[in-house]
Amino acid sequence: MRIRPERVAQTIRREVAELIENKLRDPRLHAWVSVTDVEVTPDLSVARIFVSILPEEPERTRVLEILTRAAGFVRHELAPRLGLREVPEIRFLHDSSIERGARIEEILRKLRDGEPIPGDEPEGS
């Protein structure tokens, strides 16, 4: 029987979100962190966990470093929850798609309202 990476990724996403919210007790981890996606390699050896972090830089970098240091703990906590012989290596990565989406929404709103868009000045002005 073959374990599907998509199913493992969904389970990891749900479990890691719960772990970050309820089990990580690092006092420096007070930022709003959301697990947006998980990609698992076909051989289930590595799980790339994409997180969106609300504060701006440099707080975002600091929170990502905290999560990276906690990867061993997260992997240990995932072992009984996943029921796999080998638990994938955990890698946390920043997901900027929410920020990009917000930027696009802002540009579209300005276009609709006829407002100037910064960085979109005509040449020679």
PDB file of N, CA and C in Angstrom:
ATOM      1  N   MET A   1       0.848  -1.187   0.000  1.00  0.00           N
ATOM      2  CA  MET A   1       0.000   0.000   0.000  1.00  0.00           C
ATOM      3  C   MET A   1       0.890   1.246   0.000  1.00  0.00           C
ATOM      4  N   ARG A   2       0.619   2.157  -0.900  1.00  0.00           N
ATOM      5  CA  ARG A   2       1.406   3.375  -1.036  1.00  0.00           C
ATOM      6  C   ARG A   2       0.709   4.525  -0.315  1.00  0.00           C
ATOM      7  N   ILE A   3       1.490   5.260   0.473  1.00  0.00           N
ATOM      8  CA  ILE A   3       0.956   6.419   1.189  1.00  0.00           C
ATOM      9  C   ILE A   3       1.037   7.618   0.259  1.00  0.00           C
ATOM     10  N   ARG A   4      -0.061   8.324   0.116  1.00  0.00           N
ATOM     11  CA  ARG A   4      -0.103   9.454  -0.795  1.00  0.00           C
ATOM     12  C   ARG A   4       0.467  10.708  -0.132  1.00  0.00           C
ATOM     13  N   PRO A   5       1.449  11.339  -0.791  1.00  0.00           N
ATOM     14  CA  PRO A   5       2.056  12.550  -0.221  1.00  0.00           C
ATOM     15  C   PRO A   5       1.039  13.666   0.047  1.00  0.00           C
ATOM     16  N   GLU A   6       0.000  13.756  -0.783  1.00  0.00           N
ATOM     17  CA  GLU A   6      -1.004  14.813  -0.590  1.00  0.00           C
ATOM     18  C   GLU A   6      -1.745  14.615   0.730  1.00  0.00           C
ATOM     19  N   ARG A   7      -2.074  13.377   1.038  1.00  0.00           N
ATOM     20  CA  ARG A   7      -2.793  13.096   2.286  1.00  0.00           C
ATOM     21  C   ARG A   7      -1.894  13.368   3.491  1.00  0.00           C
ATOM     22  N   VAL A   8      -0.625  12.978   3.390  1.00  0.00           N
ATOM     23  CA  VAL A   8       0.333  13.242   4.468  1.00  0.00           C
ATOM     24  C   VAL A   8       0.497  14.751   4.638  1.00  0.00           C
ATOM     25  N   ALA A   9       0.590  15.489   3.538  1.00  0.00           N
ATOM     26  CA  ALA A   9       0.740  16.949   3.601  1.00  0.00           C
ATOM     27  C   ALA A   9      -0.454  17.599   4.297  1.00  0.00           C
ATOM     28  N   GLN A  10      -1.652  17.150   3.988  1.00  0.00           N
ATOM     29  CA  GLN A  10      -2.845  17.713   4.638  1.00  0.00           C
ATOM     30  C   GLN A  10      -2.823  17.457   6.139  1.00  0.00           C
ATOM     31  N   THR A  11      -2.440  16.249   6.518  1.00  0.00           N
ATOM     32  CA  THR A  11      -2.374  15.917   7.939  1.00  0.00           C
ATOM     33  C   THR A  11      -1.298  16.738   8.636  1.00  0.00           C
ATOM     34  N   ILE A  12      -0.142  16.868   8.007  1.00  0.00           N
ATOM     35  CA  ILE A  12       0.935  17.674   8.592  1.00  0.00           C
ATOM     36  C   ILE A  12       0.481  19.120   8.753  1.00  0.00           C
ATOM     37  N   ARG A  13      -0.186  19.654   7.756  1.00  0.00           N
ATOM     38  CA  ARG A  13      -0.647  21.055   7.828  1.00  0.00           C
ATOM     39  C   ARG A  13      -1.554  21.261   9.041  1.00  0.00           C
ATOM     40  N   ARG A  14      -2.507  20.379   9.201  1.00  0.00           N
ATOM     41  CA  ARG A  14      -3.461  20.483  10.313  1.00  0.00           C
ATOM     42  C   ARG A  14      -2.746  20.323  11.659  1.00  0.00           C
ATOM     43  N   GLU A  15      -1.879  19.320  11.759  1.00  0.00           N
ATOM     44  CA  GLU A  15      -1.213  19.031  13.029  1.00  0.00           C
ATOM     45  C   GLU A  15      -0.189  20.104  13.402  1.00  0.00           C
ATOM     46  N   VAL A  16       0.569  20.597  12.432  1.00  0.00           N
ATOM     47  CA  VAL A  16       1.567  21.633  12.728  1.00  0.00           C
ATOM     48  C   VAL A  16       0.874  22.927  13.158  1.00  0.00           C
ATOM     49  N   ALA A  17      -0.246  23.261  12.532  1.00  0.00           N
ATOM     50  CA  ALA A  17      -0.993  24.453  12.942  1.00  0.00           C
ATOM     51  C   ALA A  17      -1.422  24.323  14.405  1.00  0.00           C
ATOM     52  N   GLU A  18      -1.876  23.150  14.776  1.00  0.00           N
ATOM     53  CA  GLU A  18      -2.288  22.915  16.164  1.00  0.00           C
ATOM     54  C   GLU A  18      -1.089  22.967  17.108  1.00  0.00           C
ATOM     55  N   LEU A  19       0.030  22.397  16.686  1.00  0.00           N
ATOM     56  CA  LEU A  19       1.239  22.420  17.518  1.00  0.00           C
ATOM     57  C   LEU A  19       1.740  23.841  17.743  1.00  0.00           C
ATOM     58  N   ILE A  20       1.762  24.639  16.690  1.00  0.00           N
ATOM     59  CA  ILE A  20       2.225  26.027  16.820  1.00  0.00           C
ATOM     60  C   ILE A  20       1.318  26.799  17.767  1.00  0.00           C
ATOM     61  N   GLU A  21       0.035  26.562  17.643  1.00  0.00           N
ATOM     62  CA  GLU A  21      -0.920  27.295  18.469  1.00  0.00           C
ATOM     63  C   GLU A  21      -0.906  26.852  19.928  1.00  0.00           C
ATOM     64  N   ASN A  22      -0.749  25.556  20.179  1.00  0.00           N
ATOM     65  CA  ASN A  22      -0.946  25.045  21.536  1.00  0.00           C
ATOM     66  C   ASN A  22       0.278  24.464  22.239  1.00  0.00           C
ATOM     67  N   LYS A  23       1.298  24.051  21.503  1.00  0.00           N
ATOM     68  CA  LYS A  23       2.410  23.341  22.153  1.00  0.00           C
ATOM     69  C   LYS A  23       3.719  24.118  22.197  1.00  0.00           C
ATOM     70  N   LEU A  24       3.973  24.980  21.216  1.00  0.00           N
ATOM     71  CA  LEU A  24       5.223  25.737  21.227  1.00  0.00           C
ATOM     72  C   LEU A  24       5.127  26.804  22.304  1.00  0.00           C
ATOM     73  N   ARG A  25       6.038  26.738  23.248  1.00  0.00           N
ATOM     74  CA  ARG A  25       5.969  27.630  24.401  1.00  0.00           C
ATOM     75  C   ARG A  25       7.080  28.664  24.417  1.00  0.00           C
ATOM     76  N   ASP A  26       7.635  28.960  23.276  1.00  0.00           N
ATOM     77  CA  ASP A  26       8.701  29.953  23.201  1.00  0.00           C
ATOM     78  C   ASP A  26       8.079  31.330  23.426  1.00  0.00           C
ATOM     79  N   PRO A  27       8.506  32.053  24.468  1.00  0.00           N
ATOM     80  CA  PRO A  27       7.894  33.359  24.750  1.00  0.00           C
ATOM     81  C   PRO A  27       8.140  34.387  23.647  1.00  0.00           C
ATOM     82  N   ARG A  28       9.157  34.154  22.821  1.00  0.00           N
ATOM     83  CA  ARG A  28       9.428  35.081  21.722  1.00  0.00           C
ATOM     84  C   ARG A  28       8.482  34.859  20.554  1.00  0.00           C
ATOM     85  N   LEU A  29       7.716  33.784  20.598  1.00  0.00           N
ATOM     86  CA  LEU A  29       6.811  33.438  19.504  1.00  0.00           C
ATOM     87  C   LEU A  29       5.419  33.985  19.812  1.00  0.00           C
ATOM     88  N   HIS A  30       5.280  35.297  19.749  1.00  0.00           N
ATOM     89  CA  HIS A  30       3.998  35.927  20.047  1.00  0.00           C
ATOM     90  C   HIS A  30       3.339  36.478  18.782  1.00  0.00           C
ATOM     91  N   ALA A  31       3.947  36.242  17.642  1.00  0.00           N
ATOM     92  CA  ALA A  31       3.414  36.750  16.375  1.00  0.00           C
ATOM     93  C   ALA A  31       2.275  35.869  15.885  1.00  0.00           C
ATOM     94  N   TRP A  32       1.492  36.420  14.991  1.00  0.00           N
ATOM     95  CA  TRP A  32       0.430  35.672  14.355  1.00  0.00           C
ATOM     96  C   TRP A  32       1.062  34.832  13.245  1.00  0.00           C
ATOM     97  N   VAL A  33       1.001  33.499  13.398  1.00  0.00           N
ATOM     98  CA  VAL A  33       1.600  32.578  12.452  1.00  0.00           C
ATOM     99  C   VAL A  33       0.510  31.656  11.926  1.00  0.00           C
ATOM    100  N   SER A  34       0.456  31.520  10.613  1.00  0.00           N
ATOM    101  CA  SER A  34      -0.538  30.654   9.991  1.00  0.00           C
ATOM    102  C   SER A  34       0.151  29.702   9.029  1.00  0.00           C
ATOM    103  N   VAL A  35      -0.169  28.416   9.131  1.00  0.00           N
ATOM    104  CA  VAL A  35       0.363  27.425   8.207  1.00  0.00           C
ATOM    105  C   VAL A  35      -0.503  27.488   6.956  1.00  0.00           C
ATOM    106  N   THR A  36       0.091  27.912   5.844  1.00  0.00           N
ATOM    107  CA  THR A  36      -0.681  28.107   4.618  1.00  0.00           C
ATOM    108  C   THR A  36      -0.635  26.913   3.679  1.00  0.00           C
ATOM    109  N   ASP A  37       0.471  26.166   3.702  1.00  0.00           N
ATOM    110  CA  ASP A  37       0.586  25.033   2.782  1.00  0.00           C
ATOM    111  C   ASP A  37       1.700  24.114   3.264  1.00  0.00           C
ATOM    112  N   VAL A  38       1.631  22.867   2.841  1.00  0.00           N
ATOM    113  CA  VAL A  38       2.691  21.895   3.109  1.00  0.00           C
ATOM    114  C   VAL A  38       2.929  21.117   1.829  1.00  0.00           C
ATOM    115  N   GLU A  39       4.189  20.999   1.453  1.00  0.00           N
ATOM    116  CA  GLU A  39       4.575  20.173   0.315  1.00  0.00           C
ATOM    117  C   GLU A  39       5.465  19.058   0.839  1.00  0.00           C
ATOM    118  N   VAL A  40       5.118  17.830   0.472  1.00  0.00           N
ATOM    119  CA  VAL A  40       5.899  16.672   0.898  1.00  0.00           C
ATOM    120  C   VAL A  40       6.510  16.042  -0.339  1.00  0.00           C
ATOM    121  N   THR A  41       7.802  15.683  -0.250  1.00  0.00           N
ATOM    122  CA  THR A  41       8.454  15.027  -1.376  1.00  0.00           C
ATOM    123  C   THR A  41       7.797  13.661  -1.612  1.00  0.00           C
ATOM    124  N   PRO A  42       7.858  13.156  -2.842  1.00  0.00           N
ATOM    125  CA  PRO A  42       7.211  11.869  -3.146  1.00  0.00           C
ATOM    126  C   PRO A  42       7.680  10.714  -2.259  1.00  0.00           C
ATOM    127  N   ASP A  43       8.932  10.758  -1.802  1.00  0.00           N
ATOM    128  CA  ASP A  43       9.422   9.682  -0.936  1.00  0.00           C
ATOM    129  C   ASP A  43       9.160   9.964   0.548  1.00  0.00           C
ATOM    130  N   LEU A  44       8.433  11.032   0.855  1.00  0.00           N
ATOM    131  CA  LEU A  44       8.041  11.435   2.207  1.00  0.00           C
ATOM    132  C   LEU A  44       9.240  11.733   3.117  1.00  0.00           C
ATOM    133  N   SER A  45      10.374  12.112   2.530  1.00  0.00           N
ATOM    134  CA  SER A  45      11.559  12.376   3.345  1.00  0.00           C
ATOM    135  C   SER A  45      11.621  13.818   3.851  1.00  0.00           C
ATOM    136  N   VAL A  46      10.997  14.749   3.138  1.00  0.00           N
ATOM    137  CA  VAL A  46      11.054  16.161   3.509  1.00  0.00           C
ATOM    138  C   VAL A  46       9.660  16.774   3.395  1.00  0.00           C
ATOM    139  N   ALA A  47       9.311  17.574   4.401  1.00  0.00           N
ATOM    140  CA  ALA A  47       8.056  18.337   4.368  1.00  0.00           C
ATOM    141  C   ALA A  47       8.417  19.813   4.439  1.00  0.00           C
ATOM    142  N   ARG A  48       8.062  20.559   3.383  1.00  0.00           N
ATOM    143  CA  ARG A  48       8.272  22.009   3.382  1.00  0.00           C
ATOM    144  C   ARG A  48       6.969  22.638   3.860  1.00  0.00           C
ATOM    145  N   ILE A  49       7.059  23.303   5.008  1.00  0.00           N
ATOM    146  CA  ILE A  49       5.880  23.897   5.636  1.00  0.00           C
ATOM    147  C   ILE A  49       5.932  25.404   5.402  1.00  0.00           C
ATOM    148  N   PHE A  50       4.967  25.911   4.663  1.00  0.00           N
ATOM    149  CA  PHE A  50       4.897  27.332   4.354  1.00  0.00           C
ATOM    150  C   PHE A  50       4.041  28.028   5.402  1.00  0.00           C
ATOM    151  N   VAL A  51       4.612  29.080   5.979  1.00  0.00           N
ATOM    152  CA  VAL A  51       3.910  29.828   7.015  1.00  0.00           C
ATOM    153  C   VAL A  51       3.815  31.293   6.624  1.00  0.00           C
ATOM    154  N   SER A  52       2.702  31.881   6.974  1.00  0.00           N
ATOM    155  CA  SER A  52       2.518  33.314   6.804  1.00  0.00           C
ATOM    156  C   SER A  52       2.649  33.935   8.187  1.00  0.00           C
ATOM    157  N   ILE A  53       3.472  34.973   8.282  1.00  0.00           N
ATOM    158  CA  ILE A  53       3.761  35.609   9.564  1.00  0.00           C
ATOM    159  C   ILE A  53       3.349  37.068   9.456  1.00  0.00           C
ATOM    160  N   LEU A  54       2.441  37.483  10.326  1.00  0.00           N
ATOM    161  CA  LEU A  54       1.854  38.817  10.215  1.00  0.00           C
ATOM    162  C   LEU A  54       2.830  39.971  10.408  1.00  0.00           C
ATOM    163  N   PRO A  55       3.688  40.010  11.422  1.00  0.00           N
ATOM    164  CA  PRO A  55       4.548  41.193  11.558  1.00  0.00           C
ATOM    165  C   PRO A  55       5.491  41.351  10.367  1.00  0.00           C
ATOM    166  N   GLU A  56       5.930  42.562  10.179  1.00  0.00           N
ATOM    167  CA  GLU A  56       6.885  42.859   9.107  1.00  0.00           C
ATOM    168  C   GLU A  56       8.291  42.492   9.553  1.00  0.00           C
ATOM    169  N   GLU A  57       9.246  42.643   8.613  1.00  0.00           N
ATOM    170  CA  GLU A  57      10.654  42.428   8.935  1.00  0.00           C
ATOM    171  C   GLU A  57      11.042  43.414  10.029  1.00  0.00           C
ATOM    172  N   PRO A  58      11.972  43.171  10.902  1.00  0.00           N
ATOM    173  CA  PRO A  58      12.783  41.969  11.075  1.00  0.00           C
ATOM    174  C   PRO A  58      12.095  40.919  11.948  1.00  0.00           C
ATOM    175  N   GLU A  59      10.924  41.257  12.506  1.00  0.00           N
ATOM    176  CA  GLU A  59      10.184  40.318  13.360  1.00  0.00           C
ATOM    177  C   GLU A  59       9.873  39.025  12.615  1.00  0.00           C
ATOM    178  N   ARG A  60       9.532  39.139  11.358  1.00  0.00           N
ATOM    179  CA  ARG A  60       9.201  37.967  10.544  1.00  0.00           C
ATOM    180  C   ARG A  60      10.389  37.008  10.467  1.00  0.00           C
ATOM    181  N   THR A  61      11.580  37.546  10.246  1.00  0.00           N
ATOM    182  CA  THR A  61      12.783  36.719  10.166  1.00  0.00           C
ATOM    183  C   THR A  61      13.048  36.036  11.500  1.00  0.00           C
ATOM    184  N   ARG A  62      12.855  36.753  12.582  1.00  0.00           N
ATOM    185  CA  ARG A  62      13.081  36.202  13.919  1.00  0.00           C
ATOM    186  C   ARG A  62      12.115  35.062  14.206  1.00  0.00           C
ATOM    187  N   VAL A  63      10.849  35.236  13.854  1.00  0.00           N
ATOM    188  CA  VAL A  63       9.848  34.188  14.077  1.00  0.00           C
ATOM    189  C   VAL A  63      10.170  32.956  13.227  1.00  0.00           C
ATOM    190  N   LEU A  64      10.600  33.170  11.991  1.00  0.00           N
ATOM    191  CA  LEU A  64      10.966  32.048  11.126  1.00  0.00           C
ATOM    192  C   LEU A  64      12.169  31.296  11.704  1.00  0.00           C
ATOM    193  N   GLU A  65      13.125  32.010  12.291  1.00  0.00           N
ATOM    194  CA  GLU A  65      14.267  31.359  12.938  1.00  0.00           C
ATOM    195  C   GLU A  65      13.818  30.536  14.144  1.00  0.00           C
ATOM    196  N   ILE A  66      12.877  31.055  14.917  1.00  0.00           N
ATOM    197  CA  ILE A  66      12.346  30.317  16.073  1.00  0.00           C
ATOM    198  C   ILE A  66      11.681  29.029  15.601  1.00  0.00           C
ATOM    199  N   LEU A  67      10.876  29.123  14.556  1.00  0.00           N
ATOM    200  CA  LEU A  67      10.210  27.932  14.029  1.00  0.00           C
ATOM    201  C   LEU A  67      11.224  26.921  13.499  1.00  0.00           C
ATOM    202  N   THR A  68      12.268  27.410  12.845  1.00  0.00           N
ATOM    203  CA  THR A  68      13.295  26.518  12.312  1.00  0.00           C
ATOM    204  C   THR A  68      14.000  25.778  13.451  1.00  0.00           C
ATOM    205  N   ARG A  69      14.280  26.485  14.542  1.00  0.00           N
ATOM    206  CA  ARG A  69      14.908  25.837  15.699  1.00  0.00           C
ATOM    207  C   ARG A  69      13.972  24.828  16.360  1.00  0.00           C
ATOM    208  N   ALA A  70      12.675  25.054  16.252  1.00  0.00           N
ATOM    209  CA  ALA A  70      11.689  24.149  16.862  1.00  0.00           C
ATOM    210  C   ALA A  70      11.327  22.976  15.953  1.00  0.00           C
ATOM    211  N   ALA A  71      11.947  22.876  14.783  1.00  0.00           N
ATOM    212  CA  ALA A  71      11.598  21.821  13.823  1.00  0.00           C
ATOM    213  C   ALA A  71      11.774  20.423  14.412  1.00  0.00           C
ATOM    214  N   GLY A  72      12.813  20.208  15.194  1.00  0.00           N
ATOM    215  CA  GLY A  72      13.025  18.903  15.818  1.00  0.00           C
ATOM    216  C   GLY A  72      11.898  18.541  16.768  1.00  0.00           C
ATOM    217  N   PHE A  73      11.479  19.517  17.584  1.00  0.00           N
ATOM    218  CA  PHE A  73      10.355  19.302  18.496  1.00  0.00           C
ATOM    219  C   PHE A  73       9.084  18.995  17.717  1.00  0.00           C
ATOM    220  N   VAL A  74       8.840  19.773  16.667  1.00  0.00           N
ATOM    221  CA  VAL A  74       7.636  19.571  15.852  1.00  0.00           C
ATOM    222  C   VAL A  74       7.655  18.175  15.224  1.00  0.00           C
ATOM    223  N   ARG A  75       8.793  17.780  14.717  1.00  0.00           N
ATOM    224  CA  ARG A  75       8.921  16.449  14.107  1.00  0.00           C
ATOM    225  C   ARG A  75       8.657  15.351  15.149  1.00  0.00           C
ATOM    226  N   HIS A  76       9.212  15.522  16.346  1.00  0.00           N
ATOM    227  CA  HIS A  76       8.993  14.560  17.421  1.00  0.00           C
ATOM    228  C   HIS A  76       7.506  14.465  17.782  1.00  0.00           C
ATOM    229  N   GLU A  77       6.833  15.603  17.851  1.00  0.00           N
ATOM    230  CA  GLU A  77       5.408  15.629  18.183  1.00  0.00           C
ATOM    231  C   GLU A  77       4.547  15.048  17.055  1.00  0.00           C
ATOM    232  N   LEU A  78       5.014  15.190  15.814  1.00  0.00           N
ATOM    233  CA  LEU A  78       4.254  14.664  14.676  1.00  0.00           C
ATOM    234  C   LEU A  78       4.289  13.141  14.586  1.00  0.00           C
ATOM    235  N   ALA A  79       5.366  12.531  15.075  1.00  0.00           N
ATOM    236  CA  ALA A  79       5.563  11.089  14.904  1.00  0.00           C
ATOM    237  C   ALA A  79       4.337  10.263  15.304  1.00  0.00           C
ATOM    238  N   PRO A  80       3.805  10.399  16.512  1.00  0.00           N
ATOM    239  CA  PRO A  80       2.640   9.569  16.850  1.00  0.00           C
ATOM    240  C   PRO A  80       1.362  10.000  16.128  1.00  0.00           C
ATOM    241  N   ARG A  81       1.308  11.242  15.722  1.00  0.00           N
ATOM    242  CA  ARG A  81       0.101  11.748  15.050  1.00  0.00           C
ATOM    243  C   ARG A  81       0.006  11.286  13.603  1.00  0.00           C
ATOM    244  N   LEU A  82       1.157  11.067  12.961  1.00  0.00           N
ATOM    245  CA  LEU A  82       1.161  10.667  11.552  1.00  0.00           C
ATOM    246  C   LEU A  82       1.081   9.155  11.374  1.00  0.00           C
ATOM    247  N   GLY A  83       1.627   8.416  12.307  1.00  0.00           N
ATOM    248  CA  GLY A  83       1.604   6.965  12.192  1.00  0.00           C
ATOM    249  C   GLY A  83       2.469   6.433  11.058  1.00  0.00           C
ATOM    250  N   LEU A  84       3.528   7.151  10.718  1.00  0.00           N
ATOM    251  CA  LEU A  84       4.440   6.716   9.659  1.00  0.00           C
ATOM    252  C   LEU A  84       5.673   6.068  10.281  1.00  0.00           C
ATOM    253  N   ARG A  85       6.315   5.200   9.524  1.00  0.00           N
ATOM    254  CA  ARG A  85       7.556   4.588   9.998  1.00  0.00           C
ATOM    255  C   ARG A  85       8.645   5.648  10.132  1.00  0.00           C
ATOM    256  N   GLU A  86       8.743   6.518   9.141  1.00  0.00           N
ATOM    257  CA  GLU A  86       9.712   7.620   9.149  1.00  0.00           C
ATOM    258  C   GLU A  86       8.948   8.938   9.024  1.00  0.00           C
ATOM    259  N   VAL A  87       9.236   9.873   9.916  1.00  0.00           N
ATOM    260  CA  VAL A  87       8.602  11.191   9.864  1.00  0.00           C
ATOM    261  C   VAL A  87       9.462  12.086   8.979  1.00  0.00           C
ATOM    262  N   PRO A  88       8.843  12.823   8.067  1.00  0.00           N
ATOM    263  CA  PRO A  88       9.633  13.693   7.173  1.00  0.00           C
ATOM    264  C   PRO A  88      10.431  14.739   7.937  1.00  0.00           C
ATOM    265  N   GLU A  89      11.568  15.119   7.357  1.00  0.00           N
ATOM    266  CA  GLU A  89      12.348  16.241   7.873  1.00  0.00           C
ATOM    267  C   GLU A  89      11.494  17.493   7.692  1.00  0.00           C
ATOM    268  N   ILE A  90      11.496  18.357   8.690  1.00  0.00           N
ATOM    269  CA  ILE A  90      10.653  19.546   8.677  1.00  0.00           C
ATOM    270  C   ILE A  90      11.480  20.759   8.270  1.00  0.00           C
ATOM    271  N   ARG A  91      10.965  21.507   7.294  1.00  0.00           N
ATOM    272  CA  ARG A  91      11.589  22.774   6.886  1.00  0.00           C
ATOM    273  C   ARG A  91      10.504  23.848   6.836  1.00  0.00           C
ATOM    274  N   PHE A  92      10.717  24.901   7.590  1.00  0.00           N
ATOM    275  CA  PHE A  92       9.765  26.016   7.591  1.00  0.00           C
ATOM    276  C   PHE A  92      10.219  27.066   6.580  1.00  0.00           C
ATOM    277  N   LEU A  93       9.286  27.544   5.777  1.00  0.00           N
ATOM    278  CA  LEU A  93       9.562  28.574   4.776  1.00  0.00           C
ATOM    279  C   LEU A  93       8.490  29.653   4.860  1.00  0.00           C
ATOM    280  N   HIS A  94       8.896  30.890   4.613  1.00  0.00           N
ATOM    281  CA  HIS A  94       7.927  31.994   4.624  1.00  0.00           C
ATOM    282  C   HIS A  94       7.093  31.978   3.349  1.00  0.00           C
ATOM    283  N   ASP A  95       5.802  32.142   3.501  1.00  0.00           N
ATOM    284  CA  ASP A  95       4.884  32.218   2.365  1.00  0.00           C
ATOM    285  C   ASP A  95       4.418  33.661   2.241  1.00  0.00           C
ATOM    286  N   SER A  96       4.838  34.327   1.177  1.00  0.00           N
ATOM    287  CA  SER A  96       4.492  35.739   0.999  1.00  0.00           C
ATOM    288  C   SER A  96       3.251  35.922   0.133  1.00  0.00           C
ATOM    289  N   SER A  97       2.534  34.866  -0.161  1.00  0.00           N
ATOM    290  CA  SER A  97       1.385  34.974  -1.067  1.00  0.00           C
ATOM    291  C   SER A  97       0.283  35.869  -0.495  1.00  0.00           C
ATOM    292  N   ILE A  98       0.105  35.895   0.813  1.00  0.00           N
ATOM    293  CA  ILE A  98      -0.927  36.744   1.406  1.00  0.00           C
ATOM    294  C   ILE A  98      -0.561  38.216   1.207  1.00  0.00           C
ATOM    295  N   GLU A  99       0.721  38.551   1.425  1.00  0.00           N
ATOM    296  CA  GLU A  99       1.160  39.931   1.218  1.00  0.00           C
ATOM    297  C   GLU A  99       1.022  40.332  -0.253  1.00  0.00           C
ATOM    298  N   ARG A 100       1.408  39.429  -1.161  1.00  0.00           N
ATOM    299  CA  ARG A 100       1.273  39.718  -2.595  1.00  0.00           C
ATOM    300  C   ARG A 100      -0.190  39.913  -2.966  1.00  0.00           C
ATOM    301  N   GLY A 101      -1.058  39.067  -2.421  1.00  0.00           N
ATOM    302  CA  GLY A 101      -2.487  39.207  -2.691  1.00  0.00           C
ATOM    303  C   GLY A 101      -3.033  40.532  -2.188  1.00  0.00           C
ATOM    304  N   ALA A 102      -2.605  40.941  -1.001  1.00  0.00           N
ATOM    305  CA  ALA A 102      -3.049  42.222  -0.445  1.00  0.00           C
ATOM    306  C   ALA A 102      -2.561  43.373  -1.306  1.00  0.00           C
ATOM    307  N   ARG A 103      -1.330  43.281  -1.805  1.00  0.00           N
ATOM    308  CA  ARG A 103      -0.780  44.322  -2.677  1.00  0.00           C
ATOM    309  C   ARG A 103      -1.567  44.416  -3.977  1.00  0.00           C
ATOM    310  N   ILE A 104      -1.901  43.275  -4.553  1.00  0.00           N
ATOM    311  CA  ILE A 104      -2.696  43.254  -5.789  1.00  0.00           C
ATOM    312  C   ILE A 104      -4.076  43.852  -5.542  1.00  0.00           C
ATOM    313  N   GLU A 105      -4.704  43.493  -4.414  1.00  0.00           N
ATOM    314  CA  GLU A 105      -6.013  44.055  -4.067  1.00  0.00           C
ATOM    315  C   GLU A 105      -5.939  45.581  -3.951  1.00  0.00           C
ATOM    316  N   GLU A 106      -4.858  46.080  -3.337  1.00  0.00           N
ATOM    317  CA  GLU A 106      -4.679  47.524  -3.179  1.00  0.00           C
ATOM    318  C   GLU A 106      -4.526  48.205  -4.539  1.00  0.00           C
ATOM    319  N   ILE A 107      -3.742  47.607  -5.429  1.00  0.00           N
ATOM    320  CA  ILE A 107      -3.560  48.169  -6.775  1.00  0.00           C
ATOM    321  C   ILE A 107      -4.885  48.183  -7.528  1.00  0.00           C
ATOM    322  N   LEU A 108      -5.632  47.100  -7.451  1.00  0.00           N
ATOM    323  CA  LEU A 108      -6.932  47.033  -8.138  1.00  0.00           C
ATOM    324  C   LEU A 108      -7.908  48.073  -7.582  1.00  0.00           C
ATOM    325  N   ARG A 109      -7.888  48.252  -6.254  1.00  0.00           N
ATOM    326  CA  ARG A 109      -8.764  49.256  -5.646  1.00  0.00           C
ATOM    327  C   ARG A 109      -8.394  50.649  -6.141  1.00  0.00           C
ATOM    328  N   LYS A 110      -7.083  50.949  -6.200  1.00  0.00           N
ATOM    329  CA  LYS A 110      -6.644  52.258  -6.670  1.00  0.00           C
ATOM    330  C   LYS A 110      -7.002  52.467  -8.139  1.00  0.00           C
ATOM    331  N   LEU A 111      -6.854  51.437  -8.951  1.00  0.00           N
ATOM    332  CA  LEU A 111      -7.253  51.544 -10.361  1.00  0.00           C
ATOM    333  C   LEU A 111      -8.744  51.833 -10.487  1.00  0.00           C
ATOM    334  N   ARG A 112      -9.545  51.121  -9.702  1.00  0.00           N
ATOM    335  CA  ARG A 112     -10.991  51.310  -9.741  1.00  0.00           C
ATOM    336  C   ARG A 112     -11.377  52.728  -9.312  1.00  0.00           C
ATOM    337  N   ASP A 113     -10.675  53.251  -8.303  1.00  0.00           N
ATOM    338  CA  ASP A 113     -10.994  54.573  -7.765  1.00  0.00           C
ATOM    339  C   ASP A 113     -10.271  55.703  -8.500  1.00  0.00           C
ATOM    340  N   GLY A 114      -9.427  55.374  -9.480  1.00  0.00           N
ATOM    341  CA  GLY A 114      -8.709  56.380 -10.241  1.00  0.00           C
ATOM    342  C   GLY A 114      -7.568  57.031  -9.480  1.00  0.00           C
ATOM    343  N   GLU A 115      -7.078  56.376  -8.439  1.00  0.00           N
ATOM    344  CA  GLU A 115      -5.968  56.917  -7.656  1.00  0.00           C
ATOM    345  C   GLU A 115      -4.645  56.560  -8.321  1.00  0.00           C
ATOM    346  N   PRO A 116      -3.621  57.398  -8.115  1.00  0.00           N
ATOM    347  CA  PRO A 116      -2.294  57.058  -8.672  1.00  0.00           C
ATOM    348  C   PRO A 116      -1.708  55.860  -7.935  1.00  0.00           C
ATOM    349  N   ILE A 117      -0.962  55.070  -8.677  1.00  0.00           N
ATOM    350  CA  ILE A 117      -0.303  53.900  -8.109  1.00  0.00           C
ATOM    351  C   ILE A 117       1.175  54.230  -7.954  1.00  0.00           C
ATOM    352  N   PRO A 118       1.730  54.154  -6.741  1.00  0.00           N
ATOM    353  CA  PRO A 118       3.149  54.474  -6.542  1.00  0.00           C
ATOM    354  C   PRO A 118       4.030  53.596  -7.431  1.00  0.00           C
ATOM    355  N   GLY A 119       5.030  54.223  -8.041  1.00  0.00           N
ATOM    356  CA  GLY A 119       5.953  53.489  -8.910  1.00  0.00           C
ATOM    357  C   GLY A 119       5.421  53.327 -10.312  1.00  0.00           C
ATOM    358  N   ASP A 120       4.269  53.949 -10.622  1.00  0.00           N
ATOM    359  CA  ASP A 120       3.665  53.807 -11.942  1.00  0.00           C
ATOM    360  C   ASP A 120       3.574  55.176 -12.634  1.00  0.00           C
ATOM    361  N   GLU A 121       4.555  56.070 -12.346  1.00  0.00           N
ATOM    362  CA  GLU A 121       4.552  57.383 -12.964  1.00  0.00           C
ATOM    363  C   GLU A 121       5.028  57.275 -14.408  1.00  0.00           C
ATOM    364  N   PRO A 122       4.474  58.091 -15.308  1.00  0.00           N
ATOM    365  CA  PRO A 122       4.938  58.060 -16.696  1.00  0.00           C
ATOM    366  C   PRO A 122       6.381  58.563 -16.794  1.00  0.00           C
ATOM    367  N   GLU A 123       7.112  58.025 -17.740  1.00  0.00           N
ATOM    368  CA  GLU A 123       8.509  58.436 -17.908  1.00  0.00           C
ATOM    369  C   GLU A 123       8.582  59.882 -18.372  1.00  0.00           C
ATOM    370  N   GLY A 124       9.654  60.580 -17.917  1.00  0.00           N
ATOM    371  CA  GLY A 124       9.850  61.961 -18.296  1.00  0.00           C
ATOM    372  C   GLY A 124       9.127  62.935 -17.390  1.00  0.00           C
ATOM    373  N   SER A 125       8.502  62.461 -16.324  1.00  0.00           N
ATOM    374  CA  SER A 125       7.792  63.345 -15.403  1.00  0.00           C
ATOM    375  C   SER A 125       8.720  63.950 -14.407  1.00  0.00           C
TER     376      SER A 125
END
